Amino acid sequence: QLLGPTEDGEKCLKTLDGFETRFPGEKSFFWEVTGLRMECFLRLDRPKQAEAEMDEYIKRKALDTAGYVGLLEQANKYYENTCQLPSDALKGPSGRQSTIALIIYKKLSSIADRNPSFQKYGQAIQLRLAQICQYENNWPLAIDSYREILKKDPRASDVLEALGLLYEKTGQWEEAFNIWKKVSEGLETGTPAWFESRYKTAYALNRLGLNEKACAILTMTLALHPDLGDGLLKKKYHDLKTDVCNRRNSQAKTN
């Protein structure tokens, strides 16, 4: 009822004030109370106090492995609830759940950086941070999070691909080219993923105006693998090759 349609954050906070002191035997409810207070602060547009609430919970909990994993599971629930909703619902309750997930993941990531016992969770948490930022169209923070993962695991294929797509989305074509080139070099030649990454490498070169290099990649790939992929992928290759190679030839005649 505290989280009903009235959006009365102040009343919620007053009701929950000092819960842990007043009911010390109800430790099983401490996290629920913390989550409610964080949401109340976010309703009142006081994110710093929501973060402070998280800090206080961690301080009170003195996290061991079980506590850390339990908090990670709570963050995952907030994340999953957010992902079930359309992106245009990020304002209101869904947006607050996304923000709470971000706060928890950031705190857990910071703890993992300092404590070797929790470092094995670090990459998965960074990946979730990036995915939330991406879901919220916060491209710069998503890119930074993916880069942090790659510092520790430069060949993480799923991260490389996600970063390549973000570079495309933000028009950073030189960075996109470098990513797709690296992805293709790490894949087995002739696999569907390799064909796709080769196509994306050529596409990035095309967007950079390097038509001759893009034409060479497409021509060589089609010559060595004339039956590549499915019909849709083959059409993409041929369409891009026609566009790129024709413009390369036109430029050569002009020069």
C-alpha atoms as a PDB file:
ATOM      1  CA  GLN A   1       0.000   0.000   0.000  1.00  0.00           C
ATOM      2  CA  LEU A   2       2.953   2.319   0.570  1.00  0.00           C
ATOM      3  CA  LEU A   3       3.773   1.976  -3.121  1.00  0.00           C
ATOM      4  CA  GLY A   4       0.273   2.637  -4.361  1.00  0.00           C
ATOM      5  CA  PRO A   5      -0.905   5.136  -6.966  1.00  0.00           C
ATOM      6  CA  THR A   6      -0.686   8.137  -4.630  1.00  0.00           C
ATOM      7  CA  GLU A   7       3.107   8.330  -5.144  1.00  0.00           C
ATOM      8  CA  ASP A   8       3.433   9.660  -1.586  1.00  0.00           C
ATOM      9  CA  GLY A   9       7.177   9.182  -1.115  1.00  0.00           C
ATOM     10  CA  GLU A  10       7.417  11.293   2.037  1.00  0.00           C
ATOM     11  CA  LYS A  11       4.717   9.267   3.771  1.00  0.00           C
ATOM     12  CA  CYS A  12       6.484   6.067   2.727  1.00  0.00           C
ATOM     13  CA  LEU A  13       9.785   7.259   4.210  1.00  0.00           C
ATOM     14  CA  LYS A  14       8.151   8.375   7.456  1.00  0.00           C
ATOM     15  CA  THR A  15       6.455   5.005   7.875  1.00  0.00           C
ATOM     16  CA  LEU A  16       9.712   3.090   7.280  1.00  0.00           C
ATOM     17  CA  ASP A  17      11.948   5.369   9.344  1.00  0.00           C
ATOM     18  CA  GLY A  18      14.047   3.416  11.864  1.00  0.00           C
ATOM     19  CA  PHE A  19      12.500   0.065  10.901  1.00  0.00           C
ATOM     20  CA  GLU A  20      15.704  -1.871  11.652  1.00  0.00           C
ATOM     21  CA  THR A  21      15.955  -0.357  15.143  1.00  0.00           C
ATOM     22  CA  ARG A  22      12.283  -0.759  15.951  1.00  0.00           C
ATOM     23  CA  PHE A  23      12.100  -4.342  14.682  1.00  0.00           C
ATOM     24  CA  PRO A  24      15.594  -5.860  15.112  1.00  0.00           C
ATOM     25  CA  GLY A  25      14.219  -9.383  14.966  1.00  0.00           C
ATOM     26  CA  GLU A  26      12.730  -8.919  11.488  1.00  0.00           C
ATOM     27  CA  LYS A  27      16.001  -9.175   9.568  1.00  0.00           C
ATOM     28  CA  SER A  28      14.326 -11.110   6.765  1.00  0.00           C
ATOM     29  CA  PHE A  29      12.478  -7.885   5.877  1.00  0.00           C
ATOM     30  CA  PHE A  30      15.504  -5.573   5.964  1.00  0.00           C
ATOM     31  CA  TRP A  31      16.215  -5.805   2.248  1.00  0.00           C
ATOM     32  CA  GLU A  32      12.565  -5.260   1.327  1.00  0.00           C
ATOM     33  CA  VAL A  33      12.501  -2.157   3.511  1.00  0.00           C
ATOM     34  CA  THR A  34      15.734  -0.885   1.965  1.00  0.00           C
ATOM     35  CA  GLY A  35      14.329  -1.382  -1.543  1.00  0.00           C
ATOM     36  CA  LEU A  36      11.138   0.458  -0.605  1.00  0.00           C
ATOM     37  CA  ARG A  37      13.073   3.390   0.831  1.00  0.00           C
ATOM     38  CA  MET A  38      15.267   3.570  -2.281  1.00  0.00           C
ATOM     39  CA  GLU A  39      12.178   3.715  -4.484  1.00  0.00           C
ATOM     40  CA  CYS A  40      10.670   6.423  -2.268  1.00  0.00           C
ATOM     41  CA  PHE A  41      13.808   8.537  -2.618  1.00  0.00           C
ATOM     42  CA  LEU A  42      13.735   8.062  -6.382  1.00  0.00           C
ATOM     43  CA  ARG A  43      10.085   9.100  -6.496  1.00  0.00           C
ATOM     44  CA  LEU A  44      11.137  12.293  -4.739  1.00  0.00           C
ATOM     45  CA  ASP A  45      13.990  12.775  -7.248  1.00  0.00           C
ATOM     46  CA  ARG A  46      16.656  12.279  -4.575  1.00  0.00           C
ATOM     47  CA  PRO A  47      18.978   9.687  -6.176  1.00  0.00           C
ATOM     48  CA  LYS A  48      21.930  10.484  -3.897  1.00  0.00           C
ATOM     49  CA  GLN A  49      19.879   9.471  -0.881  1.00  0.00           C
ATOM     50  CA  ALA A  50      18.813   6.298  -2.650  1.00  0.00           C
ATOM     51  CA  GLU A  51      22.503   5.490  -3.127  1.00  0.00           C
ATOM     52  CA  ALA A  52      23.202   6.325   0.525  1.00  0.00           C
ATOM     53  CA  GLU A  53      20.451   3.892   1.507  1.00  0.00           C
ATOM     54  CA  MET A  54      22.276   1.182  -0.435  1.00  0.00           C
ATOM     55  CA  ASP A  55      25.561   2.075   1.262  1.00  0.00           C
ATOM     56  CA  GLU A  56      23.906   1.863   4.667  1.00  0.00           C
ATOM     57  CA  TYR A  57      22.428  -1.552   3.883  1.00  0.00           C
ATOM     58  CA  ILE A  58      25.822  -2.901   2.785  1.00  0.00           C
ATOM     59  CA  LYS A  59      27.489  -1.445   5.880  1.00  0.00           C
ATOM     60  CA  ARG A  60      24.842  -2.985   8.119  1.00  0.00           C
ATOM     61  CA  LYS A  61      24.972  -6.313   6.325  1.00  0.00           C
ATOM     62  CA  ALA A  62      28.811  -6.647   6.341  1.00  0.00           C
ATOM     63  CA  LEU A  63      28.572  -8.692   3.168  1.00  0.00           C
ATOM     64  CA  ASP A  64      29.893 -12.227   3.102  1.00  0.00           C
ATOM     65  CA  THR A  65      29.647 -14.394  -0.015  1.00  0.00           C
ATOM     66  CA  ALA A  66      26.042 -15.364   0.667  1.00  0.00           C
ATOM     67  CA  GLY A  67      25.063 -11.741   1.260  1.00  0.00           C
ATOM     68  CA  TYR A  68      26.861 -10.581  -1.868  1.00  0.00           C
ATOM     69  CA  VAL A  69      25.182 -13.216  -4.021  1.00  0.00           C
ATOM     70  CA  GLY A  70      21.814 -12.431  -2.441  1.00  0.00           C
ATOM     71  CA  LEU A  71      22.196  -8.753  -3.290  1.00  0.00           C
ATOM     72  CA  LEU A  72      23.248  -9.670  -6.825  1.00  0.00           C
ATOM     73  CA  GLU A  73      20.079 -11.757  -7.163  1.00  0.00           C
ATOM     74  CA  GLN A  74      17.999  -8.773  -6.052  1.00  0.00           C
ATOM     75  CA  ALA A  75      19.672  -6.584  -8.679  1.00  0.00           C
ATOM     76  CA  ASN A  76      18.974  -9.249 -11.292  1.00  0.00           C
ATOM     77  CA  LYS A  77      15.276  -9.208 -10.368  1.00  0.00           C
ATOM     78  CA  TYR A  78      15.092  -5.440 -10.831  1.00  0.00           C
ATOM     79  CA  TYR A  79      16.917  -5.829 -14.146  1.00  0.00           C
ATOM     80  CA  GLU A  80      14.598  -8.585 -15.377  1.00  0.00           C
ATOM     81  CA  ASN A  81      11.501  -6.573 -14.388  1.00  0.00           C
ATOM     82  CA  THR A  82      12.827  -3.644 -16.394  1.00  0.00           C
ATOM     83  CA  CYS A  83      13.566  -5.751 -19.470  1.00  0.00           C
ATOM     84  CA  GLN A  84      10.016  -7.093 -19.556  1.00  0.00           C
ATOM     85  CA  LEU A  85       8.682  -3.609 -20.249  1.00  0.00           C
ATOM     86  CA  PRO A  86       8.888  -1.573 -23.474  1.00  0.00           C
ATOM     87  CA  SER A  87      11.570   1.132 -23.590  1.00  0.00           C
ATOM     88  CA  ASP A  88       8.919   3.876 -23.623  1.00  0.00           C
ATOM     89  CA  ALA A  89       7.889   2.745 -20.120  1.00  0.00           C
ATOM     90  CA  LEU A  90      11.201   3.764 -18.562  1.00  0.00           C
ATOM     91  CA  LYS A  91       9.580   6.674 -16.805  1.00  0.00           C
ATOM     92  CA  GLY A  92       7.743   5.959 -13.572  1.00  0.00           C
ATOM     93  CA  PRO A  93       7.977   2.594 -11.750  1.00  0.00           C
ATOM     94  CA  SER A  94       9.970   0.786 -14.450  1.00  0.00           C
ATOM     95  CA  GLY A  95      12.503   3.609 -14.611  1.00  0.00           C
ATOM     96  CA  ARG A  96      12.936   3.486 -10.847  1.00  0.00           C
ATOM     97  CA  GLN A  97      13.511  -0.270 -10.945  1.00  0.00           C
ATOM     98  CA  SER A  98      16.138   0.220 -13.618  1.00  0.00           C
ATOM     99  CA  THR A  99      17.848   2.893 -11.501  1.00  0.00           C
ATOM    100  CA  ILE A 100      17.842   0.665  -8.407  1.00  0.00           C
ATOM    101  CA  ALA A 101      19.396  -2.151 -10.444  1.00  0.00           C
ATOM    102  CA  LEU A 102      22.097   0.252 -11.634  1.00  0.00           C
ATOM    103  CA  ILE A 103      22.826   1.444  -8.087  1.00  0.00           C
ATOM    104  CA  ILE A 104      23.194  -2.112  -6.783  1.00  0.00           C
ATOM    105  CA  TYR A 105      25.324  -3.298  -9.707  1.00  0.00           C
ATOM    106  CA  LYS A 106      27.661  -0.307  -9.349  1.00  0.00           C
ATOM    107  CA  LYS A 107      28.106  -0.963  -5.619  1.00  0.00           C
ATOM    108  CA  LEU A 108      28.737  -4.669  -6.205  1.00  0.00           C
ATOM    109  CA  SER A 109      31.184  -3.884  -9.010  1.00  0.00           C
ATOM    110  CA  SER A 110      33.113  -1.549  -6.714  1.00  0.00           C
ATOM    111  CA  ILE A 111      33.228  -4.220  -4.002  1.00  0.00           C
ATOM    112  CA  ALA A 112      34.436  -6.835  -6.506  1.00  0.00           C
ATOM    113  CA  ASP A 113      37.263  -4.522  -7.610  1.00  0.00           C
ATOM    114  CA  ARG A 114      38.494  -4.267  -4.017  1.00  0.00           C
ATOM    115  CA  ASN A 115      37.831  -7.782  -2.756  1.00  0.00           C
ATOM    116  CA  PRO A 116      39.381 -10.812  -4.505  1.00  0.00           C
ATOM    117  CA  SER A 117      36.638 -13.046  -3.094  1.00  0.00           C
ATOM    118  CA  PHE A 118      34.067 -11.362  -5.348  1.00  0.00           C
ATOM    119  CA  GLN A 119      36.149 -10.687  -8.454  1.00  0.00           C
ATOM    120  CA  LYS A 120      34.664 -13.681 -10.275  1.00  0.00           C
ATOM    121  CA  TYR A 121      31.347 -11.798 -10.402  1.00  0.00           C
ATOM    122  CA  GLY A 122      32.874  -8.608 -11.805  1.00  0.00           C
ATOM    123  CA  GLN A 123      32.558  -9.270 -15.543  1.00  0.00           C
ATOM    124  CA  ALA A 124      28.937 -10.435 -15.333  1.00  0.00           C
ATOM    125  CA  ILE A 125      28.051  -7.314 -13.336  1.00  0.00           C
ATOM    126  CA  GLN A 126      29.797  -5.017 -15.813  1.00  0.00           C
ATOM    127  CA  LEU A 127      27.885  -6.710 -18.614  1.00  0.00           C
ATOM    128  CA  ARG A 128      24.590  -6.046 -16.853  1.00  0.00           C
ATOM    129  CA  LEU A 129      25.578  -2.413 -16.289  1.00  0.00           C
ATOM    130  CA  ALA A 130      26.258  -2.040 -19.995  1.00  0.00           C
ATOM    131  CA  GLN A 131      22.997  -3.753 -20.932  1.00  0.00           C
ATOM    132  CA  ILE A 132      20.927  -1.480 -18.687  1.00  0.00           C
ATOM    133  CA  CYS A 133      22.625   1.635 -20.064  1.00  0.00           C
ATOM    134  CA  GLN A 134      22.043   0.358 -23.576  1.00  0.00           C
ATOM    135  CA  TYR A 135      18.405  -0.385 -22.809  1.00  0.00           C
ATOM    136  CA  GLU A 136      18.002   3.186 -21.575  1.00  0.00           C
ATOM    137  CA  ASN A 137      19.724   4.559 -24.714  1.00  0.00           C
ATOM    138  CA  ASN A 138      22.618   5.838 -22.613  1.00  0.00           C
ATOM    139  CA  TRP A 139      25.165   4.967 -25.293  1.00  0.00           C
ATOM    140  CA  PRO A 140      28.292   6.619 -23.765  1.00  0.00           C
ATOM    141  CA  LEU A 141      27.940   4.794 -20.428  1.00  0.00           C
ATOM    142  CA  ALA A 142      27.150   1.518 -22.187  1.00  0.00           C
ATOM    143  CA  ILE A 143      30.253   1.871 -24.352  1.00  0.00           C
ATOM    144  CA  ASP A 144      32.397   2.654 -21.293  1.00  0.00           C
ATOM    145  CA  SER A 145      31.056  -0.430 -19.495  1.00  0.00           C
ATOM    146  CA  TYR A 146      31.790  -2.710 -22.454  1.00  0.00           C
ATOM    147  CA  ARG A 147      35.291  -1.253 -22.704  1.00  0.00           C
ATOM    148  CA  GLU A 148      35.897  -2.015 -19.036  1.00  0.00           C
ATOM    149  CA  ILE A 149      35.046  -5.667 -19.664  1.00  0.00           C
ATOM    150  CA  LEU A 150      37.394  -5.832 -22.650  1.00  0.00           C
ATOM    151  CA  LYS A 151      40.284  -4.505 -20.570  1.00  0.00           C
ATOM    152  CA  LYS A 152      40.138  -7.756 -18.599  1.00  0.00           C
ATOM    153  CA  ASP A 153      38.943 -10.052 -21.387  1.00  0.00           C
ATOM    154  CA  PRO A 154      39.925  -8.612 -24.797  1.00  0.00           C
ATOM    155  CA  ARG A 155      38.504 -11.585 -26.718  1.00  0.00           C
ATOM    156  CA  ALA A 156      35.026 -11.664 -25.137  1.00  0.00           C
ATOM    157  CA  SER A 157      33.085 -12.215 -28.375  1.00  0.00           C
ATOM    158  CA  ASP A 158      29.625 -11.250 -27.103  1.00  0.00           C
ATOM    159  CA  VAL A 159      31.007  -8.008 -25.684  1.00  0.00           C
ATOM    160  CA  LEU A 160      32.922  -7.202 -28.866  1.00  0.00           C
ATOM    161  CA  GLU A 161      29.786  -7.705 -30.953  1.00  0.00           C
ATOM    162  CA  ALA A 162      27.647  -5.589 -28.631  1.00  0.00           C
ATOM    163  CA  LEU A 163      30.271  -2.829 -28.707  1.00  0.00           C
ATOM    164  CA  GLY A 164      30.501  -3.015 -32.497  1.00  0.00           C
ATOM    165  CA  LEU A 165      26.752  -2.533 -32.800  1.00  0.00           C
ATOM    166  CA  LEU A 166      26.880   0.444 -30.440  1.00  0.00           C
ATOM    167  CA  TYR A 167      29.674   2.054 -32.441  1.00  0.00           C
ATOM    168  CA  GLU A 168      27.520   1.626 -35.553  1.00  0.00           C
ATOM    169  CA  LYS A 169      24.497   3.099 -33.804  1.00  0.00           C
ATOM    170  CA  THR A 170      26.498   6.136 -32.684  1.00  0.00           C
ATOM    171  CA  GLY A 171      28.222   6.608 -36.039  1.00  0.00           C
ATOM    172  CA  GLN A 172      31.712   5.844 -34.758  1.00  0.00           C
ATOM    173  CA  TRP A 173      32.734   4.013 -37.910  1.00  0.00           C
ATOM    174  CA  GLU A 174      36.483   3.808 -37.367  1.00  0.00           C
ATOM    175  CA  GLU A 175      35.903   2.173 -33.978  1.00  0.00           C
ATOM    176  CA  ALA A 176      33.250  -0.083 -35.526  1.00  0.00           C
ATOM    177  CA  PHE A 177      35.705  -1.169 -38.239  1.00  0.00           C
ATOM    178  CA  ASN A 178      38.365  -2.030 -35.647  1.00  0.00           C
ATOM    179  CA  ILE A 179      35.876  -4.086 -33.644  1.00  0.00           C
ATOM    180  CA  TRP A 180      34.463  -6.051 -36.583  1.00  0.00           C
ATOM    181  CA  LYS A 181      37.956  -6.717 -37.947  1.00  0.00           C
ATOM    182  CA  LYS A 182      38.963  -8.094 -34.559  1.00  0.00           C
ATOM    183  CA  VAL A 183      35.782 -10.177 -34.336  1.00  0.00           C
ATOM    184  CA  SER A 184      36.305 -11.732 -37.783  1.00  0.00           C
ATOM    185  CA  GLU A 185      39.944 -12.537 -37.007  1.00  0.00           C
ATOM    186  CA  GLY A 186      38.836 -14.501 -33.943  1.00  0.00           C
ATOM    187  CA  LEU A 187      36.236 -16.611 -35.776  1.00  0.00           C
ATOM    188  CA  GLU A 188      36.549 -19.743 -37.855  1.00  0.00           C
ATOM    189  CA  THR A 189      36.600 -18.896 -41.556  1.00  0.00           C
ATOM    190  CA  GLY A 190      33.402 -19.790 -43.380  1.00  0.00           C
ATOM    191  CA  THR A 191      31.079 -19.825 -40.370  1.00  0.00           C
ATOM    192  CA  PRO A 192      27.873 -17.728 -40.386  1.00  0.00           C
ATOM    193  CA  ALA A 193      29.293 -15.419 -37.700  1.00  0.00           C
ATOM    194  CA  TRP A 194      32.479 -14.936 -39.744  1.00  0.00           C
ATOM    195  CA  PHE A 195      30.491 -14.019 -42.880  1.00  0.00           C
ATOM    196  CA  GLU A 196      28.450 -11.503 -40.880  1.00  0.00           C
ATOM    197  CA  SER A 197      31.509  -9.888 -39.291  1.00  0.00           C
ATOM    198  CA  ARG A 198      33.259  -9.659 -42.687  1.00  0.00           C
ATOM    199  CA  TYR A 199      30.183  -7.922 -44.094  1.00  0.00           C
ATOM    200  CA  LYS A 200      30.144  -5.475 -41.178  1.00  0.00           C
ATOM    201  CA  THR A 201      33.879  -4.799 -41.631  1.00  0.00           C
ATOM    202  CA  ALA A 202      33.281  -3.892 -45.272  1.00  0.00           C
ATOM    203  CA  TYR A 203      30.233  -1.818 -44.376  1.00  0.00           C
ATOM    204  CA  ALA A 204      32.257   0.201 -41.843  1.00  0.00           C
ATOM    205  CA  LEU A 205      34.989   0.786 -44.432  1.00  0.00           C
ATOM    206  CA  ASN A 206      32.322   1.966 -46.836  1.00  0.00           C
ATOM    207  CA  ARG A 207      31.001   4.471 -44.283  1.00  0.00           C
ATOM    208  CA  LEU A 208      34.559   5.717 -43.809  1.00  0.00           C
ATOM    209  CA  GLY A 209      34.810   6.353 -47.552  1.00  0.00           C
ATOM    210  CA  LEU A 210      37.399   3.598 -48.039  1.00  0.00           C
ATOM    211  CA  ASN A 211      35.537   2.065 -50.957  1.00  0.00           C
ATOM    212  CA  GLU A 212      38.525   0.295 -52.483  1.00  0.00           C
ATOM    213  CA  LYS A 213      39.269  -1.640 -49.303  1.00  0.00           C
ATOM    214  CA  ALA A 214      35.587  -2.455 -48.776  1.00  0.00           C
ATOM    215  CA  CYS A 215      35.295  -3.657 -52.386  1.00  0.00           C
ATOM    216  CA  ALA A 216      38.355  -5.894 -51.956  1.00  0.00           C
ATOM    217  CA  ILE A 217      36.930  -7.594 -48.856  1.00  0.00           C
ATOM    218  CA  LEU A 218      33.543  -8.224 -50.450  1.00  0.00           C
ATOM    219  CA  THR A 219      35.008  -9.410 -53.768  1.00  0.00           C
ATOM    220  CA  MET A 220      37.442 -11.808 -52.113  1.00  0.00           C
ATOM    221  CA  THR A 221      34.850 -13.230 -49.733  1.00  0.00           C
ATOM    222  CA  LEU A 222      32.355 -13.865 -52.544  1.00  0.00           C
ATOM    223  CA  ALA A 223      35.064 -15.363 -54.791  1.00  0.00           C
ATOM    224  CA  LEU A 224      36.230 -17.822 -52.128  1.00  0.00           C
ATOM    225  CA  HIS A 225      32.754 -18.557 -50.734  1.00  0.00           C
ATOM    226  CA  PRO A 226      30.237 -18.196 -53.598  1.00  0.00           C
ATOM    227  CA  ASP A 227      27.565 -20.094 -51.653  1.00  0.00           C
ATOM    228  CA  LEU A 228      28.023 -18.162 -48.432  1.00  0.00           C
ATOM    229  CA  GLY A 229      25.304 -18.116 -45.827  1.00  0.00           C
ATOM    230  CA  ASP A 230      21.591 -17.942 -46.526  1.00  0.00           C
ATOM    231  CA  GLY A 231      19.889 -16.088 -49.345  1.00  0.00           C
ATOM    232  CA  LEU A 232      19.411 -12.901 -47.330  1.00  0.00           C
ATOM    233  CA  LEU A 233      23.078 -12.674 -46.367  1.00  0.00           C
ATOM    234  CA  LYS A 234      24.204 -13.350 -49.929  1.00  0.00           C
ATOM    235  CA  LYS A 235      21.905 -10.587 -51.198  1.00  0.00           C
ATOM    236  CA  LYS A 236      23.353  -8.182 -48.602  1.00  0.00           C
ATOM    237  CA  TYR A 237      26.849  -9.002 -49.826  1.00  0.00           C
ATOM    238  CA  HIS A 238      25.971  -8.549 -53.492  1.00  0.00           C
ATOM    239  CA  ASP A 239      24.035  -5.315 -52.891  1.00  0.00           C
ATOM    240  CA  LEU A 240      26.874  -3.769 -50.890  1.00  0.00           C
ATOM    241  CA  LYS A 241      29.477  -5.004 -53.368  1.00  0.00           C
ATOM    242  CA  THR A 242      27.572  -3.447 -56.289  1.00  0.00           C
ATOM    243  CA  ASP A 243      27.309  -0.113 -54.485  1.00  0.00           C
ATOM    244  CA  VAL A 244      30.868  -0.011 -53.151  1.00  0.00           C
ATOM    245  CA  CYS A 245      32.701  -1.347 -56.190  1.00  0.00           C
ATOM    246  CA  ASN A 246      30.759   0.856 -58.611  1.00  0.00           C
ATOM    247  CA  ARG A 247      31.634   3.941 -56.600  1.00  0.00           C
ATOM    248  CA  ARG A 248      35.251   2.834 -56.416  1.00  0.00           C
ATOM    249  CA  ASN A 249      35.335   2.496 -60.206  1.00  0.00           C
ATOM    250  CA  SER A 250      33.677   5.903 -60.644  1.00  0.00           C
ATOM    251  CA  GLN A 251      36.239   7.504 -58.376  1.00  0.00           C
ATOM    252  CA  ALA A 252      39.066   5.830 -60.300  1.00  0.00           C
ATOM    253  CA  LYS A 253      37.771   7.202 -63.604  1.00  0.00           C
ATOM    254  CA  THR A 254      37.404  10.668 -62.120  1.00  0.00           C
ATOM    255  CA  ASN A 255      40.985  10.607 -60.900  1.00  0.00           C
END
